[in-house]
Structures are given as C-alpha cells and as structure tokens.
N, C-alpha and C. Protein backbone atom coordinates (compact mmCIF):
# COMPACT_ATOMS: atom_id res chain seq x y z
N MET A 1 -101.73 -38.33 -156.88
CA MET A 1 -102.58 -37.70 -157.98
C MET A 1 -102.43 -37.10 -158.92
N GLU A 2 -101.76 -35.56 -158.04
CA GLU A 2 -101.75 -34.77 -158.96
C GLU A 2 -100.53 -34.82 -159.75
N THR A 3 -99.37 -35.64 -159.51
CA THR A 3 -97.85 -35.82 -160.21
C THR A 3 -98.31 -36.13 -161.95
N THR A 4 -100.27 -37.22 -162.10
CA THR A 4 -100.07 -37.94 -162.97
C THR A 4 -100.58 -36.77 -163.74
N SER A 5 -101.45 -35.26 -163.56
CA SER A 5 -101.54 -34.64 -164.39
C SER A 5 -100.26 -34.35 -165.78
N SER A 6 -100.44 -33.69 -166.72
CA SER A 6 -99.59 -33.73 -167.57
C SER A 6 -99.72 -32.15 -167.68
N GLU A 7 -100.12 -31.07 -167.00
CA GLU A 7 -99.45 -29.75 -166.36
C GLU A 7 -99.13 -29.53 -165.33
N THR A 8 -99.09 -30.69 -163.99
CA THR A 8 -98.47 -30.30 -162.88
C THR A 8 -96.79 -30.50 -163.17
N ASP A 9 -96.13 -29.30 -162.32
CA ASP A 9 -94.79 -29.19 -162.39
C ASP A 9 -94.52 -29.91 -161.57
N TYR A 10 -93.64 -31.24 -161.48
CA TYR A 10 -93.23 -31.07 -160.35
C TYR A 10 -91.54 -31.81 -160.46
N PHE A 11 -90.58 -32.85 -159.15
CA PHE A 11 -89.39 -32.61 -159.64
C PHE A 11 -89.18 -34.24 -158.57
N ILE A 12 -88.57 -34.86 -158.71
CA ILE A 12 -87.67 -35.60 -157.74
C ILE A 12 -85.90 -35.66 -157.15
N SER A 13 -86.02 -34.77 -155.81
CA SER A 13 -84.59 -34.82 -154.89
C SER A 13 -84.68 -36.26 -153.84
N ALA A 14 -83.00 -36.10 -154.09
CA ALA A 14 -82.33 -37.62 -153.89
C ALA A 14 -81.27 -36.54 -152.08
N ASP A 15 -81.58 -37.07 -151.14
CA ASP A 15 -81.02 -36.22 -150.19
C ASP A 15 -80.76 -37.27 -148.72
N GLY A 16 -80.30 -36.88 -148.44
CA GLY A 16 -79.43 -38.13 -146.65
C GLY A 16 -80.66 -37.19 -145.30
N LEU A 17 -81.07 -38.42 -144.63
CA LEU A 17 -81.29 -38.26 -143.68
C LEU A 17 -80.80 -36.27 -142.57
N ASN A 18 -81.69 -35.66 -142.06
CA ASN A 18 -81.19 -34.52 -141.60
C ASN A 18 -81.16 -34.64 -140.14
N PRO A 19 -79.99 -35.04 -139.91
CA PRO A 19 -80.11 -35.15 -137.99
C PRO A 19 -80.15 -34.60 -137.45
N PHE A 20 -80.69 -32.93 -137.81
CA PHE A 20 -80.73 -32.32 -136.16
C PHE A 20 -82.44 -32.55 -136.52
N MET A 21 -83.92 -32.91 -137.49
CA MET A 21 -84.61 -32.76 -137.34
C MET A 21 -85.07 -34.28 -136.72
N PHE A 22 -83.83 -35.16 -137.07
CA PHE A 22 -84.33 -36.28 -136.99
C PHE A 22 -83.95 -37.71 -135.50
N ASP A 23 -83.45 -36.36 -134.62
CA ASP A 23 -83.32 -37.36 -133.94
C ASP A 23 -82.74 -38.11 -132.52
N ALA A 24 -84.03 -38.45 -132.92
CA ALA A 24 -84.90 -39.64 -131.78
C ALA A 24 -83.92 -41.23 -131.41
N PRO A 25 -84.16 -41.67 -131.28
CA PRO A 25 -83.94 -43.20 -130.73
C PRO A 25 -83.99 -44.11 -131.84
N GLU A 26 -84.62 -43.80 -132.40
CA GLU A 26 -85.67 -44.89 -133.76
C GLU A 26 -84.71 -44.23 -134.80
N PHE A 27 -84.41 -43.09 -134.91
CA PHE A 27 -83.72 -42.93 -136.35
C PHE A 27 -81.68 -43.65 -136.23
N GLN A 28 -81.42 -44.13 -135.62
CA GLN A 28 -80.62 -43.82 -134.92
C GLN A 28 -79.86 -45.09 -136.27
N LYS A 29 -80.70 -46.07 -136.31
CA LYS A 29 -80.16 -46.72 -137.19
C LYS A 29 -79.62 -46.45 -138.73
N TYR A 30 -80.46 -45.09 -139.00
CA TYR A 30 -80.56 -44.23 -140.08
C TYR A 30 -78.48 -43.72 -140.26
N PHE A 31 -78.23 -43.63 -139.08
CA PHE A 31 -76.40 -42.31 -139.45
C PHE A 31 -76.12 -43.26 -138.63
N ASN A 32 -74.28 -43.06 -139.48
CA ASN A 32 -73.25 -44.02 -139.13
C ASN A 32 -72.32 -43.08 -137.33
N ASN A 33 -71.50 -43.90 -137.50
CA ASN A 33 -70.82 -43.63 -135.93
C ASN A 33 -70.37 -41.74 -136.13
N CYS A 34 -70.62 -41.14 -136.65
CA CYS A 34 -69.87 -39.61 -137.02
C CYS A 34 -71.25 -38.65 -137.03
N GLY A 35 -72.24 -39.54 -136.70
CA GLY A 35 -74.02 -38.83 -137.38
C GLY A 35 -74.15 -38.94 -138.66
N GLU A 36 -73.55 -39.10 -139.48
CA GLU A 36 -74.03 -38.63 -141.13
C GLU A 36 -74.78 -39.62 -141.43
N SER A 37 -75.70 -39.87 -142.30
CA SER A 37 -76.37 -40.19 -142.25
C SER A 37 -76.68 -41.53 -143.99
N LYS A 38 -76.86 -42.13 -143.24
CA LYS A 38 -76.36 -43.62 -144.69
C LYS A 38 -77.28 -43.52 -145.96
N ASP A 39 -77.38 -41.87 -146.64
CA ASP A 39 -78.07 -41.98 -147.80
C ASP A 39 -77.30 -43.46 -148.57
N TRP A 40 -76.23 -43.57 -148.72
CA TRP A 40 -76.43 -45.39 -149.48
C TRP A 40 -77.38 -46.02 -149.23
N LEU A 41 -77.46 -46.27 -148.07
CA LEU A 41 -78.71 -47.24 -147.47
C LEU A 41 -79.82 -47.07 -147.90
N TYR A 42 -79.89 -45.38 -147.20
CA TYR A 42 -81.40 -45.50 -146.46
C TYR A 42 -81.86 -43.63 -147.01
N PRO A 43 -82.03 -43.86 -148.10
CA PRO A 43 -81.69 -42.24 -148.65
C PRO A 43 -83.57 -42.11 -148.60
N THR A 44 -83.35 -40.25 -148.86
CA THR A 44 -84.96 -39.62 -148.13
C THR A 44 -84.73 -39.10 -149.97
N MET A 45 -86.29 -39.21 -149.91
CA MET A 45 -86.83 -38.23 -151.62
C MET A 45 -88.04 -37.39 -151.16
N SER A 46 -87.83 -36.84 -151.43
CA SER A 46 -88.68 -35.11 -151.52
C SER A 46 -89.39 -35.31 -153.46
N ILE A 47 -90.16 -35.19 -153.20
CA ILE A 47 -92.13 -34.97 -154.45
C ILE A 47 -91.28 -33.37 -154.12
N ILE A 48 -91.37 -32.12 -154.61
CA ILE A 48 -91.98 -31.27 -154.58
C ILE A 48 -92.96 -30.99 -156.14
N ILE A 49 -93.50 -30.47 -156.02
CA ILE A 49 -95.19 -29.59 -156.28
C ILE A 49 -95.08 -28.15 -156.88
N SER A 50 -94.49 -28.09 -157.77
CA SER A 50 -95.05 -26.79 -157.63
C SER A 50 -96.22 -25.89 -158.47
N HIS A 51 -96.94 -24.91 -157.98
CA HIS A 51 -97.81 -23.72 -158.21
C HIS A 51 -97.12 -22.73 -158.40
N LYS A 52 -98.02 -22.16 -159.43
CA LYS A 52 -97.82 -20.66 -160.23
C LYS A 52 -98.62 -20.05 -160.22
N ASN A 53 -100.08 -18.85 -159.26
CA ASN A 53 -100.32 -17.96 -159.91
C ASN A 53 -100.49 -16.24 -159.78
N LYS A 54 -100.41 -16.00 -160.58
CA LYS A 54 -100.07 -14.49 -161.17
C LYS A 54 -98.21 -14.47 -161.09
N LYS A 55 -98.54 -13.41 -159.72
CA LYS A 55 -96.44 -13.69 -159.78
C LYS A 55 -95.66 -14.82 -158.72
N ASP A 56 -97.40 -15.28 -158.14
CA ASP A 56 -96.40 -16.16 -157.06
C ASP A 56 -95.75 -17.48 -157.17
N LEU A 57 -94.80 -18.22 -156.83
CA LEU A 57 -94.88 -19.37 -156.56
C LEU A 57 -95.57 -19.54 -155.31
N VAL A 58 -95.38 -21.09 -155.39
CA VAL A 58 -95.10 -22.14 -154.44
C VAL A 58 -95.20 -23.67 -154.58
N GLN A 59 -94.79 -24.59 -153.36
CA GLN A 59 -93.80 -25.84 -153.54
C GLN A 59 -94.56 -26.82 -151.94
N ASP A 60 -95.17 -27.73 -152.57
CA ASP A 60 -95.49 -28.67 -151.48
C ASP A 60 -94.45 -29.61 -151.65
N HIS A 61 -94.08 -29.61 -150.61
CA HIS A 61 -93.30 -30.73 -149.88
C HIS A 61 -93.13 -31.88 -149.88
N LEU A 62 -93.66 -33.39 -150.51
CA LEU A 62 -93.43 -34.44 -149.70
C LEU A 62 -92.19 -35.06 -149.00
N GLU A 63 -91.66 -35.65 -148.56
CA GLU A 63 -90.16 -36.50 -148.04
C GLU A 63 -90.70 -37.45 -147.79
N PHE A 64 -89.88 -38.44 -147.81
CA PHE A 64 -90.03 -40.26 -148.19
C PHE A 64 -88.64 -40.41 -147.22
N LEU A 65 -88.78 -41.88 -146.32
CA LEU A 65 -87.39 -42.20 -146.52
C LEU A 65 -87.04 -43.68 -146.74
N ARG A 66 -86.25 -44.34 -147.21
CA ARG A 66 -86.05 -45.24 -147.55
C ARG A 66 -85.84 -46.43 -146.32
N THR A 67 -86.25 -47.23 -145.92
CA THR A 67 -86.70 -48.05 -144.62
C THR A 67 -86.54 -49.83 -144.76
N ASP A 68 -86.29 -50.49 -144.19
CA ASP A 68 -85.57 -52.04 -144.41
C ASP A 68 -87.36 -52.82 -144.64
N GLU A 69 -88.41 -52.03 -144.85
CA GLU A 69 -89.61 -52.20 -144.81
C GLU A 69 -89.85 -51.57 -146.28
N GLY A 70 -89.55 -50.23 -147.10
CA GLY A 70 -90.22 -49.42 -147.89
C GLY A 70 -90.05 -48.35 -147.97
N TYR A 71 -90.51 -47.25 -148.46
CA TYR A 71 -90.38 -45.93 -148.26
C TYR A 71 -91.62 -46.15 -146.96
N LYS A 72 -90.91 -44.81 -146.52
CA LYS A 72 -92.48 -44.14 -145.32
C LYS A 72 -92.12 -42.22 -145.45
N LEU A 73 -92.80 -42.53 -145.72
CA LEU A 73 -93.80 -40.74 -144.95
C LEU A 73 -93.19 -39.69 -143.92
N LEU A 74 -92.12 -38.86 -144.32
CA LEU A 74 -91.16 -38.06 -142.97
C LEU A 74 -92.63 -36.45 -142.58
N CYS A 75 -92.11 -36.31 -144.13
CA CYS A 75 -93.15 -34.99 -143.49
C CYS A 75 -93.51 -34.34 -144.95
N VAL A 76 -94.71 -33.75 -144.38
CA VAL A 76 -95.61 -33.15 -145.82
C VAL A 76 -95.52 -31.96 -145.30
N THR A 77 -95.23 -30.79 -146.76
CA THR A 77 -95.35 -28.94 -146.63
C THR A 77 -96.82 -28.80 -147.36
N ILE A 78 -97.59 -28.63 -147.19
CA ILE A 78 -98.61 -28.30 -148.23
C ILE A 78 -99.03 -26.50 -148.47
N ARG A 79 -98.58 -25.82 -149.54
CA ARG A 79 -98.76 -25.05 -149.85
C ARG A 79 -99.47 -24.02 -150.43
N LYS A 80 -99.62 -24.54 -151.05
CA LYS A 80 -101.14 -25.03 -152.42
C LYS A 80 -102.68 -24.17 -152.02
N GLY A 81 -103.23 -24.84 -150.28
CA GLY A 81 -104.27 -23.86 -149.61
C GLY A 81 -104.04 -22.74 -149.76
N GLN A 82 -102.97 -22.10 -150.04
CA GLN A 82 -102.79 -20.65 -149.62
C GLN A 82 -102.96 -19.76 -150.58
N LEU A 83 -102.52 -20.11 -151.73
CA LEU A 83 -103.02 -19.43 -153.29
C LEU A 83 -105.08 -18.70 -152.71
N LYS A 84 -104.59 -17.00 -153.80
CA LYS A 84 -106.21 -17.01 -153.44
C LYS A 84 -106.68 -16.67 -154.71
C-alpha cells in the first residue's frame, strides 16, 4: 500500500535464491545440480522501501520467490518502526 504513495521512495530488484539461507528440501527444485539458483525460471524479486529521518536512512525489504503457483513471500525486514 505504501508504494502507491507518490512520496514513497522504493525500487524493485531481481536476483536468484540464496542457497545458504534456503537449503531445506522444499527449496531443492529451485536449484540446479551444482547448487546454483534457477533464477531464469524462479527469480526472487525484492521491494526495497527507503525511509529518511533527519540524517538516517533505513530500508524495509520484502523478498518474493516466483514459484509454479505464483509469487510467494520469503522474507520481510521492517526497520521503519525503529525511527524516533
């Protein structure tokens, strides 16, 4: 919802799945035999939202994985609440 505001500073980044964080059996289909992510089939997309408070810059991160059923939320890092 926040990204729909004209005052929100955000960008979208594409990458592959991190094999060190997602090594559970349910993630094996997203990697090849060498342990590299199949990012051409199953990319991860991150939305990074920047917040400024005086001299500090903090960012919220939302990471999604493309699956056969659509995009699934993988990770969320919210730092906006730490601003005073």
